[in-house]
Amino acid sequence: MNEYLKSETFQLSDNSTFLYSVECGIADSAAALNLLSNSNKYVSFKLQLIDSQTSEVLGSYDEIVFDQSNLPVHTNYCYQVNTQGIGNRNVYLRLIVDNNFNSDYAMGELHAIGNTLQKISVQKMDYTNGEIVKNYALFQNYPNPFNPTTTINYQLPQTGNVTLKIYDILGREVATLVNEQKNLGRYSVNFDASSLASGVYIYRIKVNDYVCSKKMLMIK
């Protein structure tokens, strides 16, 4: 499916800008919650700017993750991208869809007169900007199962005091990985469980009004 989710090729230079809009959302929130609430499932969407001749990824934007803690209604995001420093290139935009479960996709081609994706509330950024964080997320650790170390990733759409703790299956705290103020962005933290016994552990993040927990398995 990702092979088809591309724009037509267009030309950019150091003196150009371009606008794009993306709309994401859930059509049936009850069905989505029923699906995504099992086994820490997620579906993600992100937009990439690609050099049409070299296939180089020039910029990645708008990674939006749908999981059991984030099922937003349809939202239209719009950006004005400054391409100073990009040189003279032919490029295209590509939408990448990813998930962690077996699924089927359907795709439709819609044509409309007028502003289907409106250019409203435009946010400005440079083409080299990293992916824009739109929502809180705590991702599944990898590798999982692990022995004895694993990596946990999370993201924040705004600044807040972050606590990330590990608990055993009985709810006893065994480690604190993060307990400090963090700015908007994406973060990665390593967990070394070499001093712990094999088994199921829970990692839990709390920041502002967001709380999320996930399971992981350590096997020695």
N, C-alpha and C. Protein backbone atom coordinates (compact mmCIF):
# COMPACT_ATOMS: atom_id res chain seq x y z
N MET A 1 0.82 -1.21 0.00
CA MET A 1 0.00 0.00 0.00
C MET A 1 0.86 1.26 0.00
N ASN A 2 1.99 1.20 0.74
CA ASN A 2 2.85 2.38 0.83
C ASN A 2 3.41 2.80 -0.52
N GLU A 3 3.45 1.88 -1.48
CA GLU A 3 3.95 2.21 -2.80
C GLU A 3 3.04 3.16 -3.55
N TYR A 4 1.76 3.21 -3.15
CA TYR A 4 0.79 4.03 -3.87
C TYR A 4 0.54 5.39 -3.21
N LEU A 5 0.93 5.53 -1.96
CA LEU A 5 0.60 6.75 -1.22
C LEU A 5 1.66 7.81 -1.44
N LYS A 6 1.78 8.27 -2.68
CA LYS A 6 2.79 9.25 -3.07
C LYS A 6 2.13 10.40 -3.83
N SER A 7 2.73 11.57 -3.71
CA SER A 7 2.27 12.71 -4.50
C SER A 7 2.94 12.67 -5.87
N GLU A 8 2.49 13.54 -6.75
CA GLU A 8 3.21 13.75 -8.00
C GLU A 8 4.54 14.44 -7.69
N THR A 9 5.51 14.29 -8.58
CA THR A 9 6.82 14.93 -8.41
C THR A 9 6.70 16.45 -8.61
N PHE A 10 7.39 17.20 -7.78
CA PHE A 10 7.42 18.66 -7.94
C PHE A 10 8.83 19.16 -7.65
N GLN A 11 9.10 20.39 -8.05
CA GLN A 11 10.45 20.94 -7.99
C GLN A 11 10.58 21.91 -6.83
N LEU A 12 11.73 21.83 -6.14
CA LEU A 12 12.04 22.74 -5.04
C LEU A 12 13.41 23.36 -5.26
N SER A 13 13.61 24.51 -4.60
CA SER A 13 14.91 25.19 -4.65
C SER A 13 15.16 25.85 -3.30
N ASP A 14 16.32 26.51 -3.18
CA ASP A 14 16.64 27.21 -1.93
C ASP A 14 15.66 28.34 -1.62
N ASN A 15 14.97 28.84 -2.62
CA ASN A 15 14.08 30.00 -2.44
C ASN A 15 12.61 29.63 -2.44
N SER A 16 12.29 28.35 -2.34
CA SER A 16 10.89 27.94 -2.44
C SER A 16 10.30 27.58 -1.08
N THR A 17 9.00 27.48 -1.06
CA THR A 17 8.26 26.91 0.07
C THR A 17 7.16 26.04 -0.53
N PHE A 18 6.61 25.14 0.28
CA PHE A 18 5.44 24.41 -0.18
C PHE A 18 4.50 24.16 0.99
N LEU A 19 3.24 24.00 0.66
CA LEU A 19 2.20 23.73 1.64
C LEU A 19 1.72 22.29 1.49
N TYR A 20 1.43 21.65 2.61
CA TYR A 20 0.76 20.36 2.53
C TYR A 20 -0.22 20.22 3.69
N SER A 21 -1.23 19.41 3.47
CA SER A 21 -2.22 19.11 4.51
C SER A 21 -2.39 17.60 4.62
N VAL A 22 -2.60 17.13 5.81
CA VAL A 22 -2.87 15.72 6.08
C VAL A 22 -4.04 15.63 7.04
N GLU A 23 -4.96 14.73 6.75
CA GLU A 23 -6.08 14.51 7.67
C GLU A 23 -6.03 13.06 8.14
N CYS A 24 -6.06 12.88 9.45
CA CYS A 24 -6.05 11.54 10.05
C CYS A 24 -7.19 11.44 11.05
N GLY A 25 -7.69 10.24 11.24
CA GLY A 25 -8.75 10.08 12.22
C GLY A 25 -9.33 8.68 12.21
N ILE A 26 -10.26 8.46 13.10
CA ILE A 26 -10.93 7.17 13.26
C ILE A 26 -12.38 7.32 12.83
N ALA A 27 -12.83 6.45 11.92
CA ALA A 27 -14.22 6.50 11.47
C ALA A 27 -15.15 5.81 12.46
N ASP A 28 -14.68 4.72 13.07
CA ASP A 28 -15.50 3.96 14.03
C ASP A 28 -14.66 3.76 15.28
N SER A 29 -14.78 4.69 16.24
CA SER A 29 -13.92 4.66 17.43
C SER A 29 -14.16 3.43 18.29
N ALA A 30 -15.39 2.94 18.36
CA ALA A 30 -15.67 1.75 19.18
C ALA A 30 -14.97 0.53 18.60
N ALA A 31 -15.05 0.36 17.28
CA ALA A 31 -14.40 -0.78 16.64
C ALA A 31 -12.88 -0.66 16.76
N ALA A 32 -12.36 0.56 16.60
CA ALA A 32 -10.91 0.76 16.70
C ALA A 32 -10.42 0.46 18.10
N LEU A 33 -11.14 0.91 19.11
CA LEU A 33 -10.74 0.65 20.49
C LEU A 33 -10.77 -0.84 20.79
N ASN A 34 -11.76 -1.54 20.28
CA ASN A 34 -11.85 -2.98 20.48
C ASN A 34 -10.65 -3.70 19.87
N LEU A 35 -10.21 -3.24 18.71
CA LEU A 35 -9.06 -3.85 18.04
C LEU A 35 -7.75 -3.48 18.71
N LEU A 36 -7.53 -2.20 18.98
CA LEU A 36 -6.24 -1.73 19.45
C LEU A 36 -6.00 -1.96 20.94
N SER A 37 -7.03 -2.33 21.67
CA SER A 37 -6.87 -2.56 23.11
C SER A 37 -6.24 -3.91 23.41
N ASN A 38 -6.06 -4.73 22.38
CA ASN A 38 -5.47 -6.05 22.58
C ASN A 38 -4.00 -6.07 22.18
N SER A 39 -3.16 -6.61 23.08
CA SER A 39 -1.75 -6.88 22.77
C SER A 39 -0.97 -5.64 22.35
N ASN A 40 -1.30 -4.48 22.90
CA ASN A 40 -0.54 -3.25 22.63
C ASN A 40 -0.41 -2.94 21.14
N LYS A 41 -1.48 -3.13 20.40
CA LYS A 41 -1.48 -2.87 18.97
C LYS A 41 -1.47 -1.37 18.68
N TYR A 42 -0.93 -1.03 17.51
CA TYR A 42 -0.95 0.37 17.09
C TYR A 42 -0.96 0.43 15.56
N VAL A 43 -1.40 1.59 15.06
CA VAL A 43 -1.27 1.94 13.65
C VAL A 43 -0.67 3.33 13.60
N SER A 44 0.33 3.54 12.74
CA SER A 44 0.96 4.86 12.67
C SER A 44 1.01 5.35 11.24
N PHE A 45 1.03 6.69 11.10
CA PHE A 45 1.12 7.36 9.80
C PHE A 45 2.19 8.45 9.91
N LYS A 46 3.06 8.54 8.91
CA LYS A 46 4.00 9.66 8.88
C LYS A 46 4.24 10.05 7.43
N LEU A 47 4.60 11.32 7.25
CA LEU A 47 4.83 11.86 5.92
C LEU A 47 6.32 12.08 5.73
N GLN A 48 6.83 11.75 4.52
CA GLN A 48 8.24 11.94 4.22
C GLN A 48 8.40 12.74 2.93
N LEU A 49 9.44 13.56 2.88
CA LEU A 49 9.83 14.28 1.68
C LEU A 49 10.98 13.52 1.04
N ILE A 50 10.82 13.08 -0.22
CA ILE A 50 11.77 12.18 -0.87
C ILE A 50 12.36 12.81 -2.12
N ASP A 51 13.68 12.69 -2.31
CA ASP A 51 14.31 13.08 -3.55
C ASP A 51 13.94 12.05 -4.61
N SER A 52 13.33 12.48 -5.72
CA SER A 52 12.81 11.54 -6.70
C SER A 52 13.91 10.82 -7.48
N GLN A 53 15.13 11.38 -7.51
CA GLN A 53 16.22 10.75 -8.26
C GLN A 53 17.05 9.80 -7.41
N THR A 54 17.30 10.16 -6.15
CA THR A 54 18.17 9.35 -5.28
C THR A 54 17.40 8.54 -4.25
N SER A 55 16.11 8.85 -4.07
CA SER A 55 15.26 8.21 -3.04
C SER A 55 15.70 8.58 -1.62
N GLU A 56 16.52 9.63 -1.49
CA GLU A 56 16.95 10.09 -0.18
C GLU A 56 15.77 10.69 0.58
N VAL A 57 15.66 10.36 1.86
CA VAL A 57 14.64 10.96 2.72
C VAL A 57 15.16 12.31 3.19
N LEU A 58 14.56 13.40 2.71
CA LEU A 58 15.02 14.74 3.02
C LEU A 58 14.40 15.29 4.30
N GLY A 59 13.23 14.79 4.65
CA GLY A 59 12.54 15.23 5.86
C GLY A 59 11.44 14.27 6.22
N SER A 60 11.20 14.12 7.50
CA SER A 60 10.10 13.26 7.98
C SER A 60 9.23 14.08 8.92
N TYR A 61 7.93 14.01 8.72
CA TYR A 61 7.01 14.88 9.46
C TYR A 61 5.77 14.09 9.90
N ASP A 62 5.12 14.60 10.91
CA ASP A 62 3.76 14.18 11.25
C ASP A 62 3.59 12.71 11.59
N GLU A 63 4.44 12.15 12.41
CA GLU A 63 4.15 10.76 12.80
C GLU A 63 3.00 10.78 13.82
N ILE A 64 1.89 10.17 13.44
CA ILE A 64 0.70 10.13 14.28
C ILE A 64 0.41 8.67 14.60
N VAL A 65 0.35 8.33 15.88
CA VAL A 65 0.18 6.95 16.31
C VAL A 65 -1.19 6.77 16.93
N PHE A 66 -1.92 5.79 16.44
CA PHE A 66 -3.21 5.42 17.01
C PHE A 66 -3.03 4.15 17.84
N ASP A 67 -3.35 4.23 19.13
CA ASP A 67 -3.34 3.05 19.98
C ASP A 67 -4.47 3.20 20.99
N GLN A 68 -4.53 2.30 21.97
CA GLN A 68 -5.67 2.31 22.88
C GLN A 68 -5.76 3.58 23.71
N SER A 69 -4.65 4.32 23.83
CA SER A 69 -4.67 5.56 24.62
C SER A 69 -4.80 6.79 23.74
N ASN A 70 -4.82 6.62 22.41
CA ASN A 70 -4.90 7.76 21.52
C ASN A 70 -5.75 7.41 20.30
N LEU A 71 -7.01 7.80 20.33
CA LEU A 71 -7.92 7.58 19.21
C LEU A 71 -8.60 8.91 18.87
N PRO A 72 -7.87 9.82 18.24
CA PRO A 72 -8.42 11.16 17.98
C PRO A 72 -9.47 11.15 16.88
N VAL A 73 -10.34 12.12 16.94
CA VAL A 73 -11.30 12.33 15.84
C VAL A 73 -10.52 12.86 14.65
N HIS A 74 -11.18 12.95 13.48
CA HIS A 74 -10.51 13.43 12.28
C HIS A 74 -9.97 14.84 12.51
N THR A 75 -8.70 15.01 12.19
CA THR A 75 -8.03 16.29 12.38
C THR A 75 -7.24 16.64 11.13
N ASN A 76 -7.35 17.89 10.71
CA ASN A 76 -6.66 18.37 9.52
C ASN A 76 -5.43 19.17 9.97
N TYR A 77 -4.23 18.68 9.63
CA TYR A 77 -3.00 19.38 9.94
C TYR A 77 -2.47 20.03 8.67
N CYS A 78 -1.96 21.25 8.79
CA CYS A 78 -1.46 21.97 7.61
C CYS A 78 -0.14 22.66 7.94
N TYR A 79 0.81 22.58 7.00
CA TYR A 79 2.14 23.11 7.24
C TYR A 79 2.65 23.87 6.02
N GLN A 80 3.44 24.91 6.29
CA GLN A 80 4.19 25.61 5.27
C GLN A 80 5.67 25.30 5.51
N VAL A 81 6.31 24.68 4.51
CA VAL A 81 7.66 24.18 4.69
C VAL A 81 8.65 25.06 3.92
N ASN A 82 9.64 25.61 4.63
CA ASN A 82 10.70 26.42 4.04
C ASN A 82 11.82 25.50 3.57
N THR A 83 12.24 25.62 2.30
CA THR A 83 13.23 24.69 1.74
C THR A 83 14.60 25.32 1.55
N GLN A 84 14.90 26.37 2.26
CA GLN A 84 16.22 27.00 2.15
C GLN A 84 17.30 25.99 2.47
N GLY A 85 18.30 25.85 1.60
CA GLY A 85 19.39 24.90 1.81
C GLY A 85 19.18 23.56 1.14
N ILE A 86 18.03 23.35 0.50
CA ILE A 86 17.74 22.06 -0.11
C ILE A 86 18.40 21.92 -1.48
N GLY A 87 18.77 23.05 -2.13
CA GLY A 87 19.31 22.99 -3.48
C GLY A 87 18.19 22.86 -4.50
N ASN A 88 18.53 22.54 -5.73
CA ASN A 88 17.53 22.32 -6.78
C ASN A 88 17.24 20.82 -6.87
N ARG A 89 16.04 20.44 -6.53
CA ARG A 89 15.69 19.02 -6.49
C ARG A 89 14.28 18.80 -7.02
N ASN A 90 14.08 17.63 -7.58
CA ASN A 90 12.74 17.13 -7.86
C ASN A 90 12.38 16.16 -6.74
N VAL A 91 11.23 16.37 -6.15
CA VAL A 91 10.86 15.62 -4.94
C VAL A 91 9.41 15.16 -5.03
N TYR A 92 9.04 14.31 -4.09
CA TYR A 92 7.64 13.95 -3.91
C TYR A 92 7.39 13.69 -2.42
N LEU A 93 6.13 13.74 -2.02
CA LEU A 93 5.73 13.43 -0.66
C LEU A 93 5.21 12.00 -0.60
N ARG A 94 5.57 11.29 0.45
CA ARG A 94 5.17 9.90 0.60
C ARG A 94 4.58 9.68 1.99
N LEU A 95 3.41 9.06 2.06
CA LEU A 95 2.78 8.73 3.33
C LEU A 95 3.10 7.27 3.67
N ILE A 96 3.65 7.05 4.85
CA ILE A 96 4.03 5.72 5.30
C ILE A 96 3.04 5.24 6.36
N VAL A 97 2.46 4.06 6.14
CA VAL A 97 1.54 3.44 7.09
C VAL A 97 2.24 2.24 7.71
N ASP A 98 2.16 2.11 9.03
CA ASP A 98 2.82 0.99 9.70
C ASP A 98 1.93 0.50 10.85
N ASN A 99 2.05 -0.76 11.21
CA ASN A 99 1.37 -1.30 12.38
C ASN A 99 2.13 -2.51 12.89
N ASN A 100 1.69 -3.08 14.00
CA ASN A 100 2.38 -4.24 14.57
C ASN A 100 1.46 -5.46 14.67
N PHE A 101 0.52 -5.57 13.73
CA PHE A 101 -0.36 -6.73 13.72
C PHE A 101 -0.78 -7.01 12.27
N ASN A 102 -1.25 -8.22 12.03
CA ASN A 102 -1.71 -8.58 10.69
C ASN A 102 -3.00 -7.83 10.38
N SER A 103 -3.04 -7.20 9.20
CA SER A 103 -4.20 -6.37 8.88
C SER A 103 -4.41 -6.32 7.38
N ASP A 104 -5.59 -5.93 7.00
CA ASP A 104 -5.92 -5.68 5.60
C ASP A 104 -6.14 -4.20 5.40
N TYR A 105 -5.74 -3.67 4.24
CA TYR A 105 -5.91 -2.26 3.93
C TYR A 105 -6.81 -2.10 2.70
N ALA A 106 -7.54 -1.02 2.68
CA ALA A 106 -8.32 -0.65 1.51
C ALA A 106 -7.98 0.79 1.18
N MET A 107 -7.98 1.13 -0.10
CA MET A 107 -7.60 2.48 -0.51
C MET A 107 -8.56 2.96 -1.58
N GLY A 108 -8.96 4.21 -1.47
CA GLY A 108 -9.86 4.79 -2.45
C GLY A 108 -9.28 6.06 -3.04
N GLU A 109 -9.63 6.35 -4.25
CA GLU A 109 -9.20 7.59 -4.90
C GLU A 109 -10.39 8.52 -5.01
N LEU A 110 -10.31 9.65 -4.31
CA LEU A 110 -11.42 10.59 -4.23
C LEU A 110 -11.05 11.89 -4.93
N HIS A 111 -11.97 12.42 -5.69
CA HIS A 111 -11.77 13.71 -6.36
C HIS A 111 -12.87 14.66 -5.91
N ALA A 112 -12.48 15.89 -5.61
CA ALA A 112 -13.48 16.86 -5.15
C ALA A 112 -13.10 18.25 -5.64
N ILE A 113 -14.11 19.04 -5.92
CA ILE A 113 -13.91 20.44 -6.28
C ILE A 113 -13.97 21.25 -4.98
N GLY A 114 -12.93 22.01 -4.75
CA GLY A 114 -12.91 22.78 -3.51
C GLY A 114 -11.83 22.27 -2.58
N ASN A 115 -11.86 22.75 -1.36
CA ASN A 115 -10.81 22.44 -0.39
C ASN A 115 -11.17 21.21 0.44
N THR A 116 -10.86 20.04 -0.10
CA THR A 116 -11.09 18.81 0.67
C THR A 116 -10.20 18.79 1.90
N LEU A 117 -8.91 19.14 1.69
CA LEU A 117 -7.98 19.30 2.80
C LEU A 117 -7.65 20.79 2.88
N GLN A 118 -8.25 21.46 3.80
CA GLN A 118 -8.14 22.92 3.85
C GLN A 118 -6.79 23.36 4.38
N LYS A 119 -6.32 24.47 3.86
CA LYS A 119 -5.08 25.08 4.32
C LYS A 119 -5.42 26.08 5.42
N ILE A 120 -5.65 25.55 6.61
CA ILE A 120 -6.04 26.38 7.74
C ILE A 120 -5.05 26.19 8.89
N SER A 121 -4.93 27.21 9.74
CA SER A 121 -4.04 27.16 10.91
C SER A 121 -2.66 26.66 10.51
N VAL A 122 -2.09 27.31 9.50
CA VAL A 122 -0.81 26.85 8.94
C VAL A 122 0.31 27.02 9.95
N GLN A 123 1.09 25.95 10.15
CA GLN A 123 2.28 25.99 10.97
C GLN A 123 3.50 26.02 10.06
N LYS A 124 4.50 26.84 10.41
CA LYS A 124 5.69 26.98 9.58
C LYS A 124 6.84 26.15 10.16
N MET A 125 7.65 25.56 9.25
CA MET A 125 8.80 24.79 9.69
C MET A 125 9.80 24.69 8.54
N ASP A 126 11.05 24.29 8.85
CA ASP A 126 12.07 24.03 7.84
C ASP A 126 11.95 22.60 7.36
N TYR A 127 12.43 22.35 6.14
CA TYR A 127 12.27 21.01 5.59
C TYR A 127 13.09 19.97 6.35
N THR A 128 14.12 20.40 7.09
CA THR A 128 14.95 19.47 7.85
C THR A 128 14.38 19.17 9.23
N ASN A 129 13.25 19.79 9.59
CA ASN A 129 12.67 19.54 10.91
C ASN A 129 12.42 18.06 11.09
N GLY A 130 12.60 17.60 12.30
CA GLY A 130 12.28 16.21 12.60
C GLY A 130 10.78 16.01 12.61
N GLU A 131 10.40 14.77 12.79
CA GLU A 131 8.98 14.44 12.80
C GLU A 131 8.28 15.18 13.93
N ILE A 132 7.15 15.75 13.63
CA ILE A 132 6.42 16.58 14.57
C ILE A 132 5.58 15.70 15.49
N VAL A 133 5.77 15.85 16.78
CA VAL A 133 5.03 15.04 17.74
C VAL A 133 3.65 15.64 17.96
N LYS A 134 2.60 14.86 17.71
CA LYS A 134 1.22 15.32 17.83
C LYS A 134 0.51 14.76 19.06
N ASN A 135 1.02 13.69 19.63
CA ASN A 135 0.32 13.05 20.73
C ASN A 135 1.31 12.32 21.64
N TYR A 136 0.87 12.06 22.87
CA TYR A 136 1.66 11.25 23.78
C TYR A 136 1.67 9.81 23.28
N ALA A 137 2.78 9.11 23.52
CA ALA A 137 2.82 7.69 23.18
C ALA A 137 3.93 7.01 23.98
N LEU A 138 3.63 5.81 24.43
CA LEU A 138 4.61 4.91 25.03
C LEU A 138 4.64 3.68 24.13
N PHE A 139 5.80 3.38 23.54
CA PHE A 139 5.87 2.32 22.56
C PHE A 139 6.33 1.00 23.20
N GLN A 140 6.03 -0.08 22.49
CA GLN A 140 6.45 -1.39 22.97
C GLN A 140 7.97 -1.46 22.97
N ASN A 141 8.51 -1.99 24.04
CA ASN A 141 9.96 -2.13 24.14
C ASN A 141 10.49 -3.08 23.08
N TYR A 142 11.77 -2.94 22.74
CA TYR A 142 12.41 -3.86 21.81
C TYR A 142 13.86 -4.06 22.25
N PRO A 143 14.41 -5.28 22.13
CA PRO A 143 13.63 -6.48 21.77
C PRO A 143 12.70 -6.89 22.90
N ASN A 144 11.74 -7.71 22.57
CA ASN A 144 10.80 -8.24 23.56
C ASN A 144 10.30 -9.60 23.07
N PRO A 145 10.60 -10.70 23.78
CA PRO A 145 11.34 -10.82 25.04
C PRO A 145 12.80 -10.34 24.91
N PHE A 146 13.45 -10.12 26.08
CA PHE A 146 14.80 -9.59 26.08
C PHE A 146 15.64 -10.26 27.15
N ASN A 147 16.96 -10.14 27.02
CA ASN A 147 17.90 -10.67 28.00
C ASN A 147 19.27 -10.04 27.79
N PRO A 148 19.77 -9.24 28.73
CA PRO A 148 19.03 -8.69 29.86
C PRO A 148 18.62 -7.23 29.64
N THR A 149 18.94 -6.68 28.43
CA THR A 149 18.66 -5.25 28.21
C THR A 149 17.62 -5.07 27.12
N THR A 150 16.90 -3.97 27.22
CA THR A 150 15.89 -3.62 26.22
C THR A 150 15.77 -2.11 26.14
N THR A 151 15.16 -1.63 25.08
CA THR A 151 15.01 -0.18 24.86
C THR A 151 13.54 0.20 24.88
N ILE A 152 13.22 1.29 25.56
CA ILE A 152 11.86 1.81 25.65
C ILE A 152 11.83 3.20 25.03
N ASN A 153 10.93 3.42 24.09
CA ASN A 153 10.78 4.73 23.44
C ASN A 153 9.45 5.37 23.84
N TYR A 154 9.46 6.69 23.97
CA TYR A 154 8.23 7.42 24.24
C TYR A 154 8.31 8.79 23.60
N GLN A 155 7.16 9.44 23.46
CA GLN A 155 7.14 10.78 22.85
C GLN A 155 6.19 11.68 23.60
N LEU A 156 6.50 12.99 23.55
CA LEU A 156 5.74 14.00 24.28
C LEU A 156 5.37 15.15 23.34
N PRO A 157 4.11 15.54 23.27
CA PRO A 157 3.72 16.69 22.46
C PRO A 157 3.89 18.02 23.17
N GLN A 158 4.26 17.97 24.46
CA GLN A 158 4.50 19.19 25.20
C GLN A 158 5.39 18.89 26.40
N THR A 159 5.97 19.93 26.97
CA THR A 159 6.86 19.77 28.10
C THR A 159 6.11 19.28 29.33
N GLY A 160 6.77 18.46 30.13
CA GLY A 160 6.14 17.98 31.36
C GLY A 160 7.13 17.20 32.20
N ASN A 161 6.77 16.95 33.45
CA ASN A 161 7.60 16.14 34.34
C ASN A 161 7.29 14.67 34.08
N VAL A 162 8.29 13.93 33.62
CA VAL A 162 8.11 12.55 33.20
C VAL A 162 8.61 11.59 34.28
N THR A 163 7.80 10.61 34.62
CA THR A 163 8.27 9.48 35.41
C THR A 163 8.04 8.21 34.60
N LEU A 164 9.07 7.40 34.50
CA LEU A 164 8.99 6.12 33.81
C LEU A 164 9.55 5.08 34.77
N LYS A 165 8.68 4.18 35.23
CA LYS A 165 9.07 3.22 36.24
C LYS A 165 8.76 1.79 35.79
N ILE A 166 9.49 0.85 36.38
CA ILE A 166 9.32 -0.58 36.11
C ILE A 166 8.76 -1.24 37.36
N TYR A 167 7.77 -2.12 37.14
CA TYR A 167 7.15 -2.85 38.24
C TYR A 167 7.17 -4.35 37.92
N ASP A 168 7.22 -5.17 38.97
CA ASP A 168 7.07 -6.61 38.74
C ASP A 168 5.60 -6.93 38.63
N ILE A 169 5.28 -8.18 38.38
CA ILE A 169 3.91 -8.58 38.10
C ILE A 169 3.01 -8.41 39.32
N LEU A 170 3.62 -8.28 40.52
CA LEU A 170 2.84 -8.06 41.74
C LEU A 170 2.65 -6.57 42.04
N GLY A 171 3.17 -5.73 41.16
CA GLY A 171 2.99 -4.30 41.34
C GLY A 171 4.06 -3.62 42.18
N ARG A 172 5.15 -4.33 42.48
CA ARG A 172 6.22 -3.74 43.27
C ARG A 172 7.20 -3.00 42.35
N GLU A 173 7.55 -1.78 42.73
CA GLU A 173 8.47 -1.00 41.91
C GLU A 173 9.87 -1.59 42.00
N VAL A 174 10.50 -1.81 40.84
CA VAL A 174 11.84 -2.40 40.81
C VAL A 174 12.88 -1.46 40.21
N ALA A 175 12.44 -0.42 39.51
CA ALA A 175 13.39 0.51 38.91
C ALA A 175 12.69 1.80 38.50
N THR A 176 13.41 2.91 38.58
CA THR A 176 12.96 4.19 38.04
C THR A 176 13.93 4.59 36.94
N LEU A 177 13.43 4.67 35.71
CA LEU A 177 14.28 4.98 34.57
C LEU A 177 14.33 6.47 34.28
N VAL A 178 13.21 7.17 34.51
CA VAL A 178 13.16 8.62 34.25
C VAL A 178 12.33 9.26 35.36
N ASN A 179 12.82 10.38 35.86
CA ASN A 179 12.06 11.18 36.82
C ASN A 179 12.57 12.61 36.74
N GLU A 180 12.18 13.30 35.67
CA GLU A 180 12.68 14.65 35.43
C GLU A 180 11.83 15.37 34.39
N GLN A 181 12.04 16.67 34.29
CA GLN A 181 11.35 17.50 33.30
C GLN A 181 11.91 17.21 31.91
N LYS A 182 11.00 17.01 30.93
CA LYS A 182 11.40 16.75 29.56
C LYS A 182 10.65 17.69 28.63
N ASN A 183 11.34 18.14 27.58
CA ASN A 183 10.70 18.99 26.58
C ASN A 183 9.98 18.16 25.53
N LEU A 184 9.17 18.83 24.70
CA LEU A 184 8.51 18.17 23.58
C LEU A 184 9.55 17.41 22.76
N GLY A 185 9.18 16.19 22.33
CA GLY A 185 10.09 15.42 21.50
C GLY A 185 9.96 13.93 21.70
N ARG A 186 10.92 13.19 21.13
CA ARG A 186 10.96 11.75 21.22
C ARG A 186 12.16 11.34 22.05
N TYR A 187 11.99 10.31 22.87
CA TYR A 187 13.03 9.90 23.79
C TYR A 187 13.19 8.39 23.78
N SER A 188 14.41 7.96 24.11
CA SER A 188 14.74 6.55 24.18
C SER A 188 15.51 6.29 25.46
N VAL A 189 15.19 5.22 26.15
CA VAL A 189 15.88 4.89 27.40
C VAL A 189 16.14 3.39 27.44
N ASN A 190 17.31 2.99 27.92
CA ASN A 190 17.67 1.58 28.03
C ASN A 190 17.37 1.07 29.43
N PHE A 191 16.93 -0.18 29.50
CA PHE A 191 16.64 -0.82 30.77
C PHE A 191 17.48 -2.09 30.88
N ASP A 192 18.29 -2.16 31.93
CA ASP A 192 19.14 -3.32 32.18
C ASP A 192 18.53 -4.12 33.34
N ALA A 193 18.04 -5.32 33.03
CA ALA A 193 17.36 -6.16 34.03
C ALA A 193 18.24 -7.31 34.49
N SER A 194 19.57 -7.16 34.36
CA SER A 194 20.47 -8.26 34.70
C SER A 194 20.38 -8.68 36.16
N SER A 195 19.94 -7.77 37.03
CA SER A 195 19.84 -8.11 38.45
C SER A 195 18.48 -8.67 38.83
N LEU A 196 17.57 -8.78 37.86
CA LEU A 196 16.21 -9.24 38.14
C LEU A 196 16.00 -10.66 37.64
N ALA A 197 14.99 -11.31 38.19
CA ALA A 197 14.64 -12.67 37.78
C ALA A 197 13.85 -12.64 36.48
N SER A 198 13.84 -13.75 35.76
CA SER A 198 13.02 -13.86 34.56
C SER A 198 11.56 -13.67 34.90
N GLY A 199 10.81 -13.13 33.96
CA GLY A 199 9.37 -12.98 34.19
C GLY A 199 8.80 -11.79 33.47
N VAL A 200 7.52 -11.53 33.75
CA VAL A 200 6.80 -10.42 33.15
C VAL A 200 6.96 -9.17 34.02
N TYR A 201 7.27 -8.05 33.37
CA TYR A 201 7.39 -6.78 34.07
C TYR A 201 6.50 -5.74 33.38
N ILE A 202 6.12 -4.74 34.14
CA ILE A 202 5.27 -3.65 33.65
C ILE A 202 6.09 -2.37 33.65
N TYR A 203 6.07 -1.63 32.52
CA TYR A 203 6.67 -0.30 32.53
C TYR A 203 5.55 0.73 32.35
N ARG A 204 5.65 1.79 33.15
CA ARG A 204 4.56 2.76 33.25
C ARG A 204 5.11 4.18 33.17
N ILE A 205 4.50 4.98 32.29
CA ILE A 205 4.89 6.38 32.15
C ILE A 205 3.76 7.27 32.66
N LYS A 206 4.16 8.37 33.28
CA LYS A 206 3.18 9.38 33.74
C LYS A 206 3.77 10.74 33.44
N VAL A 207 3.02 11.56 32.68
CA VAL A 207 3.45 12.92 32.36
C VAL A 207 2.21 13.76 32.13
N ASN A 208 2.11 14.88 32.82
CA ASN A 208 0.92 15.72 32.76
C ASN A 208 -0.31 14.86 33.03
N ASP A 209 -1.29 14.82 32.13
CA ASP A 209 -2.48 14.00 32.36
C ASP A 209 -2.41 12.64 31.66
N TYR A 210 -1.24 12.32 31.10
CA TYR A 210 -1.10 11.08 30.34
C TYR A 210 -0.46 10.00 31.21
N VAL A 211 -1.12 8.83 31.25
CA VAL A 211 -0.60 7.67 31.96
C VAL A 211 -0.77 6.46 31.05
N CYS A 212 0.28 5.66 30.91
CA CYS A 212 0.19 4.47 30.05
C CYS A 212 1.13 3.40 30.60
N SER A 213 0.69 2.14 30.51
CA SER A 213 1.50 1.01 30.97
C SER A 213 1.54 -0.05 29.88
N LYS A 214 2.65 -0.77 29.81
CA LYS A 214 2.80 -1.87 28.87
C LYS A 214 3.58 -3.01 29.54
N LYS A 215 3.40 -4.22 29.02
CA LYS A 215 4.08 -5.39 29.55
C LYS A 215 5.31 -5.73 28.72
N MET A 216 6.29 -6.33 29.37
CA MET A 216 7.45 -6.85 28.67
C MET A 216 7.93 -8.13 29.37
N LEU A 217 8.67 -8.95 28.65
CA LEU A 217 9.06 -10.26 29.16
C LEU A 217 10.58 -10.39 29.12
N MET A 218 11.15 -10.69 30.30
CA MET A 218 12.59 -10.92 30.38
C MET A 218 12.83 -12.40 30.60
N ILE A 219 13.66 -13.00 29.73
CA ILE A 219 13.95 -14.44 29.80
C ILE A 219 15.47 -14.61 29.86
N LYS A 220 15.92 -15.24 30.93
CA LYS A 220 17.37 -15.51 31.08
C LYS A 220 17.66 -16.92 30.59
